Structure formats: C-alpha cells, structure tokens
Amino acid sequence: MKIFPFLKSLSRTVHEEQSEHDQQYETGIDSSGPSGPCTSISLTVWKKSLVISCKGFTVIDSNGDLVYRVDNYVGHPQEVTLMDGSGKSVLTMRRNKKFSLVDSWFVYEGEGGDYCTARRTTRAASKSWPEFCVRKNMNLLNANPNILAHVYREASGSHKRRAYVIEGSYTHRSCKVLDECSRNVVAEIKRKEANVGGVSYGVEVFDLIVHPGFDPGFAMALVILLDQMF
C-alpha cells in the first residue's frame, strides 16, 4: 500500500541510510530470538494514525510502503493492537494488571490475549499464552538508570527468563534493544536528523533500525510499549 507524498519523502531518507547500517551490522543475531530478515532494515515511524479521529502510529519502509499501523491508541489503553499495512492483527499488547506499581505488558501473537472470554475453550486458551512480558525498569537504589525496560520470554507456567534489555532514552529517541546474553544490539530507535522544507522532524517522526535475526513487528511493539511507559 503506497501512501501520500510526505511519507514517501521520509522513505527516501530511510533508503539512503539503510546501506550504511547494513555495512555496520553484517553479523547475525542469536537465532533463538524472533526471526527476521537477513539484512538490517530501516523503518520510519510516525506517531500519527492515518485514520481520521484516531491516534496511533504509522510505519513505512524504504519503498514508501505502509508496513505497520496502530489506530486504537488513546490515553493509556489496556490493550493495543499492532496491525500490518492491510489491517491484519500482528501482535496484541495487554497491560498486566497484577503489577500495579510496575508498568508491565504481555505481548501475544495476532489477536491473542482475550483468553478470558467465555467463548474460548481451555484448548484455545492455551494458544493465547503470551510470547513475551515487557516490564518497565524500576529505578531503585543501585539500579542502572540507563535501563528502560526488561523483556522476558514467557512460558506456559510461572517460569520466565530474561531475553532482552532496553537501554537509552525514549524521550530523546535514542534507545537500543540488546540481547541479554550476548549483549548484541538487535534493534535501535534513532532521531531523524534531516529536514523537510526546512522544518525539523522533531520526536514525532523517527527511525527504527532492526538488525538481522530480529522480528521487525516485535521491534515496533517495543516502541509502542516504550511510548506507554515513558
């Protein structure tokens, strides 16, 4: 799906930067993480919905194609759905109400997460178990202030293991997602420095760089959750 000239002009900047990122990150990421493309990709994220009267995100690739969108984004929602360009649900994020002192979210595939409805059977409910839990870092005594959030890989039980850590400053659009074990950078959020018509992009338009082996959809889900947390 092609979209209007303003976003297509943004995509040209992304395309020019992409080759540079590919040269810097030629090695693959741990295959145990979400699967992704063989080369780094650059996406332009615009904190605006293309649907009138809705708030959300619009994400385009280097060709100017709409690849992800969020439209149901008002205030502090209990659930946010990430869709592809055609409107199909990719990931569902649900706020975890059990940890009232810590902003924490579950990430489900597709339209998962509504397993509490009476229509679902026990078997169907097991398929909606969250893939990941993303928890805001609490800046307690001796805590690393550079860490924004921890990402845990969920299992069908009480056991969970830490998978990724997010460091930097979302406010300044300068963040890195790192593999917890290898410390490899799997995704980055960066300010878009170029200008269009002499007007700066500001913080509403920024770049999301996704390195080999990491799922771009999950990377965008982390952007959405950082926006909620910070």
C-alpha atoms as a PDB file:
ATOM      1  CA  MET A   1       0.000   0.000   0.000  1.00  0.00           C
ATOM      2  CA  LYS A   2       1.529   3.300  -1.134  1.00  0.00           C
ATOM      3  CA  ILE A   3       0.825   6.372   0.928  1.00  0.00           C
ATOM      4  CA  PHE A   4       0.915  10.125   0.404  1.00  0.00           C
ATOM      5  CA  PRO A   5       3.959  12.214  -0.656  1.00  0.00           C
ATOM      6  CA  PHE A   6       5.046  13.373   2.812  1.00  0.00           C
ATOM      7  CA  LEU A   7       5.700   9.815   3.975  1.00  0.00           C
ATOM      8  CA  LYS A   8       7.246   8.869   0.640  1.00  0.00           C
ATOM      9  CA  SER A   9       9.744  11.699   1.117  1.00  0.00           C
ATOM     10  CA  LEU A  10      10.586  10.236   4.519  1.00  0.00           C
ATOM     11  CA  SER A  11      11.156   6.842   2.954  1.00  0.00           C
ATOM     12  CA  ARG A  12      13.822   8.238   0.640  1.00  0.00           C
ATOM     13  CA  THR A  13      15.857   9.284   3.666  1.00  0.00           C
ATOM     14  CA  VAL A  14      15.443   5.800   5.106  1.00  0.00           C
ATOM     15  CA  HIS A  15      16.628   4.217   1.841  1.00  0.00           C
ATOM     16  CA  GLU A  16      19.773   6.361   1.765  1.00  0.00           C
ATOM     17  CA  GLU A  17      20.658   5.393   5.334  1.00  0.00           C
ATOM     18  CA  GLN A  18      19.929   1.689   5.007  1.00  0.00           C
ATOM     19  CA  SER A  19      23.124   0.685   3.161  1.00  0.00           C
ATOM     20  CA  GLU A  20      25.243   2.311   5.862  1.00  0.00           C
ATOM     21  CA  HIS A  21      23.500   0.306   8.599  1.00  0.00           C
ATOM     22  CA  ASP A  22      23.867  -2.916   6.606  1.00  0.00           C
ATOM     23  CA  GLN A  23      27.622  -2.423   6.448  1.00  0.00           C
ATOM     24  CA  GLN A  24      27.856  -1.800  10.186  1.00  0.00           C
ATOM     25  CA  TYR A  25      25.823  -4.871  11.197  1.00  0.00           C
ATOM     26  CA  GLU A  26      26.739  -7.780   8.942  1.00  0.00           C
ATOM     27  CA  THR A  27      26.745 -10.454  11.666  1.00  0.00           C
ATOM     28  CA  GLY A  28      23.543 -12.285  12.569  1.00  0.00           C
ATOM     29  CA  ILE A  29      21.714 -12.201  15.883  1.00  0.00           C
ATOM     30  CA  ASP A  30      21.105 -15.202  18.138  1.00  0.00           C
ATOM     31  CA  SER A  31      18.709 -17.479  16.268  1.00  0.00           C
ATOM     32  CA  SER A  32      16.803 -18.188  19.471  1.00  0.00           C
ATOM     33  CA  GLY A  33      15.163 -14.772  19.219  1.00  0.00           C
ATOM     34  CA  PRO A  34      12.289 -13.760  16.916  1.00  0.00           C
ATOM     35  CA  SER A  35      13.085 -14.488  13.289  1.00  0.00           C
ATOM     36  CA  GLY A  36      13.683 -11.658  10.865  1.00  0.00           C
ATOM     37  CA  PRO A  37      15.303 -10.617   7.577  1.00  0.00           C
ATOM     38  CA  CYS A  38      18.901 -11.431   6.594  1.00  0.00           C
ATOM     39  CA  THR A  39      19.933  -7.769   6.473  1.00  0.00           C
ATOM     40  CA  SER A  40      19.270  -4.775   8.668  1.00  0.00           C
ATOM     41  CA  ILE A  41      16.195  -2.783   7.734  1.00  0.00           C
ATOM     42  CA  SER A  42      15.272   0.817   8.428  1.00  0.00           C
ATOM     43  CA  LEU A  43      11.693   1.825   9.128  1.00  0.00           C
ATOM     44  CA  THR A  44      10.294   5.305   9.549  1.00  0.00           C
ATOM     45  CA  VAL A  45       7.896   5.623  12.477  1.00  0.00           C
ATOM     46  CA  TRP A  46       5.388   8.490  12.528  1.00  0.00           C
ATOM     47  CA  LYS A  47       3.418   8.958  15.731  1.00  0.00           C
ATOM     48  CA  LYS A  48       0.181   9.619  13.922  1.00  0.00           C
ATOM     49  CA  SER A  49      -2.684   7.470  12.697  1.00  0.00           C
ATOM     50  CA  LEU A  50      -3.827   7.663   9.077  1.00  0.00           C
ATOM     51  CA  VAL A  51      -7.407   7.186  10.308  1.00  0.00           C
ATOM     52  CA  ILE A  52      -9.277  10.427  10.997  1.00  0.00           C
ATOM     53  CA  SER A  53     -10.146  10.978  14.671  1.00  0.00           C
ATOM     54  CA  CYS A  54      -7.787   8.202  15.796  1.00  0.00           C
ATOM     55  CA  LYS A  55      -4.404   8.392  17.458  1.00  0.00           C
ATOM     56  CA  GLY A  56      -1.683   5.882  16.731  1.00  0.00           C
ATOM     57  CA  PHE A  57       1.415   5.073  14.712  1.00  0.00           C
ATOM     58  CA  THR A  58       2.192   4.806  11.031  1.00  0.00           C
ATOM     59  CA  VAL A  59       5.271   2.830   9.939  1.00  0.00           C
ATOM     60  CA  ILE A  60       6.715   2.820   6.420  1.00  0.00           C
ATOM     61  CA  ASP A  61       9.615   1.030   4.771  1.00  0.00           C
ATOM     62  CA  SER A  62      12.309   2.343   2.424  1.00  0.00           C
ATOM     63  CA  ASN A  63       9.962   1.992  -0.584  1.00  0.00           C
ATOM     64  CA  GLY A  64       7.296   4.199   0.935  1.00  0.00           C
ATOM     65  CA  ASP A  65       5.003   1.246   1.667  1.00  0.00           C
ATOM     66  CA  LEU A  66       2.843   1.113   4.771  1.00  0.00           C
ATOM     67  CA  VAL A  67       4.052  -1.909   6.768  1.00  0.00           C
ATOM     68  CA  TYR A  68       2.603  -1.376  10.276  1.00  0.00           C
ATOM     69  CA  ARG A  69      -0.104   0.755  11.819  1.00  0.00           C
ATOM     70  CA  VAL A  70      -1.763   1.399  15.164  1.00  0.00           C
ATOM     71  CA  ASP A  71      -5.132   3.152  15.313  1.00  0.00           C
ATOM     72  CA  ASN A  72      -6.610   2.257  18.727  1.00  0.00           C
ATOM     73  CA  TYR A  73      -4.239   4.439  20.718  1.00  0.00           C
ATOM     74  CA  VAL A  74      -5.922   6.909  23.079  1.00  0.00           C
ATOM     75  CA  GLY A  75      -4.607   7.806  26.519  1.00  0.00           C
ATOM     76  CA  HIS A  76      -3.419   4.774  28.476  1.00  0.00           C
ATOM     77  CA  PRO A  77      -5.263   1.854  26.874  1.00  0.00           C
ATOM     78  CA  GLN A  78      -5.398  -1.593  28.455  1.00  0.00           C
ATOM     79  CA  GLU A  79      -4.851  -3.180  25.059  1.00  0.00           C
ATOM     80  CA  VAL A  80      -3.039  -2.048  21.905  1.00  0.00           C
ATOM     81  CA  THR A  81      -3.106  -3.908  18.587  1.00  0.00           C
ATOM     82  CA  LEU A  82      -0.277  -3.671  16.061  1.00  0.00           C
ATOM     83  CA  MET A  83      -1.550  -4.272  12.522  1.00  0.00           C
ATOM     84  CA  ASP A  84       0.162  -4.720   9.193  1.00  0.00           C
ATOM     85  CA  GLY A  85      -0.476  -2.392   6.276  1.00  0.00           C
ATOM     86  CA  SER A  86      -3.668  -4.232   5.292  1.00  0.00           C
ATOM     87  CA  GLY A  87      -5.147  -4.008   8.791  1.00  0.00           C
ATOM     88  CA  LYS A  88      -4.440  -7.608   9.891  1.00  0.00           C
ATOM     89  CA  SER A  89      -3.511  -8.002  13.561  1.00  0.00           C
ATOM     90  CA  VAL A  90       0.173  -8.852  14.017  1.00  0.00           C
ATOM     91  CA  LEU A  91       0.656  -8.529  17.773  1.00  0.00           C
ATOM     92  CA  THR A  92      -1.602  -7.661  20.689  1.00  0.00           C
ATOM     93  CA  MET A  93      -0.245  -5.971  23.812  1.00  0.00           C
ATOM     94  CA  ARG A  94      -2.222  -6.154  27.031  1.00  0.00           C
ATOM     95  CA  ARG A  95      -1.428  -4.286  30.216  1.00  0.00           C
ATOM     96  CA  ASN A  96      -0.670  -6.593  33.145  1.00  0.00           C
ATOM     97  CA  LYS A  97      -2.958  -5.529  35.983  1.00  0.00           C
ATOM     98  CA  LYS A  98      -1.234  -7.714  38.591  1.00  0.00           C
ATOM     99  CA  PHE A  99       1.740  -5.380  38.955  1.00  0.00           C
ATOM    100  CA  SER A 100       0.122  -2.056  39.789  1.00  0.00           C
ATOM    101  CA  LEU A 101       3.410  -0.490  40.915  1.00  0.00           C
ATOM    102  CA  VAL A 102       5.293  -1.536  37.772  1.00  0.00           C
ATOM    103  CA  ASP A 103       4.118  -0.793  34.235  1.00  0.00           C
ATOM    104  CA  SER A 104       4.110  -4.263  32.695  1.00  0.00           C
ATOM    105  CA  TRP A 105       2.667  -5.638  29.442  1.00  0.00           C
ATOM    106  CA  PHE A 106       2.082  -9.037  27.845  1.00  0.00           C
ATOM    107  CA  VAL A 107       2.706  -9.483  24.112  1.00  0.00           C
ATOM    108  CA  TYR A 108       0.581 -12.001  22.197  1.00  0.00           C
ATOM    109  CA  GLU A 109       0.629 -13.174  18.604  1.00  0.00           C
ATOM    110  CA  GLY A 110      -2.170 -11.950  16.354  1.00  0.00           C
ATOM    111  CA  GLU A 111      -5.401 -11.240  18.209  1.00  0.00           C
ATOM    112  CA  GLY A 112      -4.350 -13.192  21.317  1.00  0.00           C
ATOM    113  CA  GLY A 113      -4.830 -12.057  24.864  1.00  0.00           C
ATOM    114  CA  ASP A 114      -8.605 -12.292  25.151  1.00  0.00           C
ATOM    115  CA  TYR A 115      -8.474 -15.798  26.590  1.00  0.00           C
ATOM    116  CA  CYS A 116     -10.739 -14.825  29.493  1.00  0.00           C
ATOM    117  CA  THR A 117     -13.812 -14.602  27.291  1.00  0.00           C
ATOM    118  CA  ALA A 118     -16.415 -17.275  27.873  1.00  0.00           C
ATOM    119  CA  ARG A 119     -16.425 -18.348  24.241  1.00  0.00           C
ATOM    120  CA  ARG A 120     -12.894 -19.745  24.338  1.00  0.00           C
ATOM    121  CA  THR A 121     -12.270 -23.360  25.276  1.00  0.00           C
ATOM    122  CA  THR A 122      -9.418 -24.470  27.511  1.00  0.00           C
ATOM    123  CA  ARG A 123      -7.509 -25.686  24.460  1.00  0.00           C
ATOM    124  CA  ALA A 124      -7.958 -22.387  22.651  1.00  0.00           C
ATOM    125  CA  ALA A 125      -6.923 -20.515  25.763  1.00  0.00           C
ATOM    126  CA  SER A 126      -3.572 -22.313  25.832  1.00  0.00           C
ATOM    127  CA  LYS A 127      -2.791 -20.945  22.364  1.00  0.00           C
ATOM    128  CA  SER A 128      -3.206 -17.405  23.599  1.00  0.00           C
ATOM    129  CA  TRP A 129      -0.420 -17.620  26.142  1.00  0.00           C
ATOM    130  CA  PRO A 130       1.789 -14.509  25.858  1.00  0.00           C
ATOM    131  CA  GLU A 131       5.073 -14.779  23.984  1.00  0.00           C
ATOM    132  CA  PHE A 132       6.804 -12.037  25.966  1.00  0.00           C
ATOM    133  CA  CYS A 133       6.393  -9.842  29.011  1.00  0.00           C
ATOM    134  CA  VAL A 134       7.812  -6.304  28.904  1.00  0.00           C
ATOM    135  CA  ARG A 135       8.347  -4.643  32.276  1.00  0.00           C
ATOM    136  CA  LYS A 136       9.423  -1.091  32.978  1.00  0.00           C
ATOM    137  CA  ASN A 137      12.654  -0.849  34.923  1.00  0.00           C
ATOM    138  CA  MET A 138      12.241   0.441  38.464  1.00  0.00           C
ATOM    139  CA  ASN A 139      14.934   2.994  39.306  1.00  0.00           C
ATOM    140  CA  LEU A 140      15.517   1.710  42.798  1.00  0.00           C
ATOM    141  CA  LEU A 141      18.696   2.048  44.812  1.00  0.00           C
ATOM    142  CA  ASN A 142      21.730   0.749  42.867  1.00  0.00           C
ATOM    143  CA  ALA A 143      19.619   0.205  39.742  1.00  0.00           C
ATOM    144  CA  ASN A 144      21.110   1.097  36.368  1.00  0.00           C
ATOM    145  CA  PRO A 145      19.360   4.367  35.355  1.00  0.00           C
ATOM    146  CA  ASN A 146      20.231   3.712  31.699  1.00  0.00           C
ATOM    147  CA  ILE A 147      17.948   0.664  31.573  1.00  0.00           C
ATOM    148  CA  LEU A 148      14.408   1.481  30.450  1.00  0.00           C
ATOM    149  CA  ALA A 149      12.765  -1.933  30.421  1.00  0.00           C
ATOM    150  CA  HIS A 150      13.327  -5.676  30.609  1.00  0.00           C
ATOM    151  CA  VAL A 151      11.840  -8.143  28.142  1.00  0.00           C
ATOM    152  CA  TYR A 152      11.090 -11.638  29.426  1.00  0.00           C
ATOM    153  CA  ARG A 153      10.349 -14.689  27.336  1.00  0.00           C
ATOM    154  CA  GLU A 154       7.145 -16.239  28.663  1.00  0.00           C
ATOM    155  CA  ALA A 155       6.462 -19.942  29.196  1.00  0.00           C
ATOM    156  CA  SER A 156       3.201 -21.789  29.915  1.00  0.00           C
ATOM    157  CA  GLY A 157       3.677 -21.573  33.655  1.00  0.00           C
ATOM    158  CA  SER A 158       5.294 -19.393  36.263  1.00  0.00           C
ATOM    159  CA  HIS A 159       8.787 -19.737  34.764  1.00  0.00           C
ATOM    160  CA  LYS A 160      10.113 -16.906  32.617  1.00  0.00           C
ATOM    161  CA  ARG A 161      13.596 -15.961  31.537  1.00  0.00           C
ATOM    162  CA  ARG A 162      15.028 -12.605  30.644  1.00  0.00           C
ATOM    163  CA  ALA A 163      15.525 -12.243  26.897  1.00  0.00           C
ATOM    164  CA  TYR A 164      16.296  -8.603  26.114  1.00  0.00           C
ATOM    165  CA  VAL A 165      17.042  -5.324  27.837  1.00  0.00           C
ATOM    166  CA  ILE A 166      16.232  -1.844  26.508  1.00  0.00           C
ATOM    167  CA  GLU A 167      18.652   0.960  27.286  1.00  0.00           C
ATOM    168  CA  GLY A 168      18.877   4.673  26.492  1.00  0.00           C
ATOM    169  CA  SER A 169      16.309   7.470  26.408  1.00  0.00           C
ATOM    170  CA  TYR A 170      12.979   7.121  24.665  1.00  0.00           C
ATOM    171  CA  THR A 171      12.211  10.788  25.296  1.00  0.00           C
ATOM    172  CA  HIS A 172      15.209  11.717  23.141  1.00  0.00           C
ATOM    173  CA  ARG A 173      14.500   8.850  20.707  1.00  0.00           C
ATOM    174  CA  SER A 174      17.857   7.228  21.433  1.00  0.00           C
ATOM    175  CA  CYS A 175      17.391   3.603  22.533  1.00  0.00           C
ATOM    176  CA  LYS A 176      18.955   0.211  21.949  1.00  0.00           C
ATOM    177  CA  VAL A 177      17.433  -3.227  22.397  1.00  0.00           C
ATOM    178  CA  LEU A 178      20.126  -5.696  23.432  1.00  0.00           C
ATOM    179  CA  ASP A 179      20.171  -9.454  23.708  1.00  0.00           C
ATOM    180  CA  GLU A 180      20.506 -10.148  27.416  1.00  0.00           C
ATOM    181  CA  CYS A 181      23.076 -12.929  26.964  1.00  0.00           C
ATOM    182  CA  SER A 182      25.252 -11.817  24.058  1.00  0.00           C
ATOM    183  CA  ARG A 183      24.744  -8.051  24.517  1.00  0.00           C
ATOM    184  CA  ASN A 184      24.318  -7.770  20.746  1.00  0.00           C
ATOM    185  CA  VAL A 185      22.203  -4.826  19.623  1.00  0.00           C
ATOM    186  CA  VAL A 186      19.119  -6.236  17.883  1.00  0.00           C
ATOM    187  CA  ALA A 187      17.178  -3.005  17.290  1.00  0.00           C
ATOM    188  CA  GLU A 188      17.637   0.747  17.687  1.00  0.00           C
ATOM    189  CA  ILE A 189      15.487   3.863  17.916  1.00  0.00           C
ATOM    190  CA  LYS A 190      17.140   6.966  16.483  1.00  0.00           C
ATOM    191  CA  ARG A 191      16.247  10.592  15.835  1.00  0.00           C
ATOM    192  CA  LYS A 192      15.750  11.504  12.197  1.00  0.00           C
ATOM    193  CA  GLU A 193      18.064  14.462  11.722  1.00  0.00           C
ATOM    194  CA  ALA A 194      17.180  15.506   8.178  1.00  0.00           C
ATOM    195  CA  ASN A 195      14.729  18.318   7.459  1.00  0.00           C
ATOM    196  CA  VAL A 196      11.800  18.540   5.070  1.00  0.00           C
ATOM    197  CA  GLY A 197      11.121  22.032   3.767  1.00  0.00           C
ATOM    198  CA  GLY A 198      13.372  23.485   6.465  1.00  0.00           C
ATOM    199  CA  VAL A 199      11.225  22.028   9.279  1.00  0.00           C
ATOM    200  CA  SER A 200      12.745  19.515  11.695  1.00  0.00           C
ATOM    201  CA  TYR A 201      11.051  16.149  12.152  1.00  0.00           C
ATOM    202  CA  GLY A 202      11.139  16.553  15.935  1.00  0.00           C
ATOM    203  CA  VAL A 203      10.339  13.490  18.050  1.00  0.00           C
ATOM    204  CA  GLU A 204       7.099  12.545  16.296  1.00  0.00           C
ATOM    205  CA  VAL A 205       8.985  11.048  13.335  1.00  0.00           C
ATOM    206  CA  PHE A 206      11.971   8.800  13.986  1.00  0.00           C
ATOM    207  CA  ASP A 207      13.876   5.783  12.687  1.00  0.00           C
ATOM    208  CA  LEU A 208      13.566   2.196  13.843  1.00  0.00           C
ATOM    209  CA  ILE A 209      16.591   0.137  12.799  1.00  0.00           C
ATOM    210  CA  VAL A 210      16.088  -3.635  13.004  1.00  0.00           C
ATOM    211  CA  HIS A 211      19.188  -5.827  12.744  1.00  0.00           C
ATOM    212  CA  PRO A 212      19.378  -9.333  11.227  1.00  0.00           C
ATOM    213  CA  GLY A 213      17.501 -12.077  13.017  1.00  0.00           C
ATOM    214  CA  PHE A 214      15.136  -9.810  14.944  1.00  0.00           C
ATOM    215  CA  ASP A 215      11.441  -9.518  14.125  1.00  0.00           C
ATOM    216  CA  PRO A 216      10.527  -6.002  12.881  1.00  0.00           C
ATOM    217  CA  GLY A 217       6.967  -6.396  14.189  1.00  0.00           C
ATOM    218  CA  PHE A 218       8.184  -7.203  17.682  1.00  0.00           C
ATOM    219  CA  ALA A 219      10.627  -4.283  17.488  1.00  0.00           C
ATOM    220  CA  MET A 220       7.694  -1.984  16.690  1.00  0.00           C
ATOM    221  CA  ALA A 221       5.744  -3.484  19.591  1.00  0.00           C
ATOM    222  CA  LEU A 222       8.596  -2.486  21.900  1.00  0.00           C
ATOM    223  CA  VAL A 223       8.415   1.063  20.519  1.00  0.00           C
ATOM    224  CA  ILE A 224       4.715   1.219  21.377  1.00  0.00           C
ATOM    225  CA  LEU A 225       5.309  -0.043  24.910  1.00  0.00           C
ATOM    226  CA  LEU A 226       8.164   2.393  25.483  1.00  0.00           C
ATOM    227  CA  ASP A 227       5.807   5.151  24.396  1.00  0.00           C
ATOM    228  CA  GLN A 228       3.302   3.983  27.003  1.00  0.00           C
ATOM    229  CA  MET A 229       5.912   3.685  29.751  1.00  0.00           C
ATOM    230  CA  PHE A 230       7.701   6.955  29.092  1.00  0.00           C
END
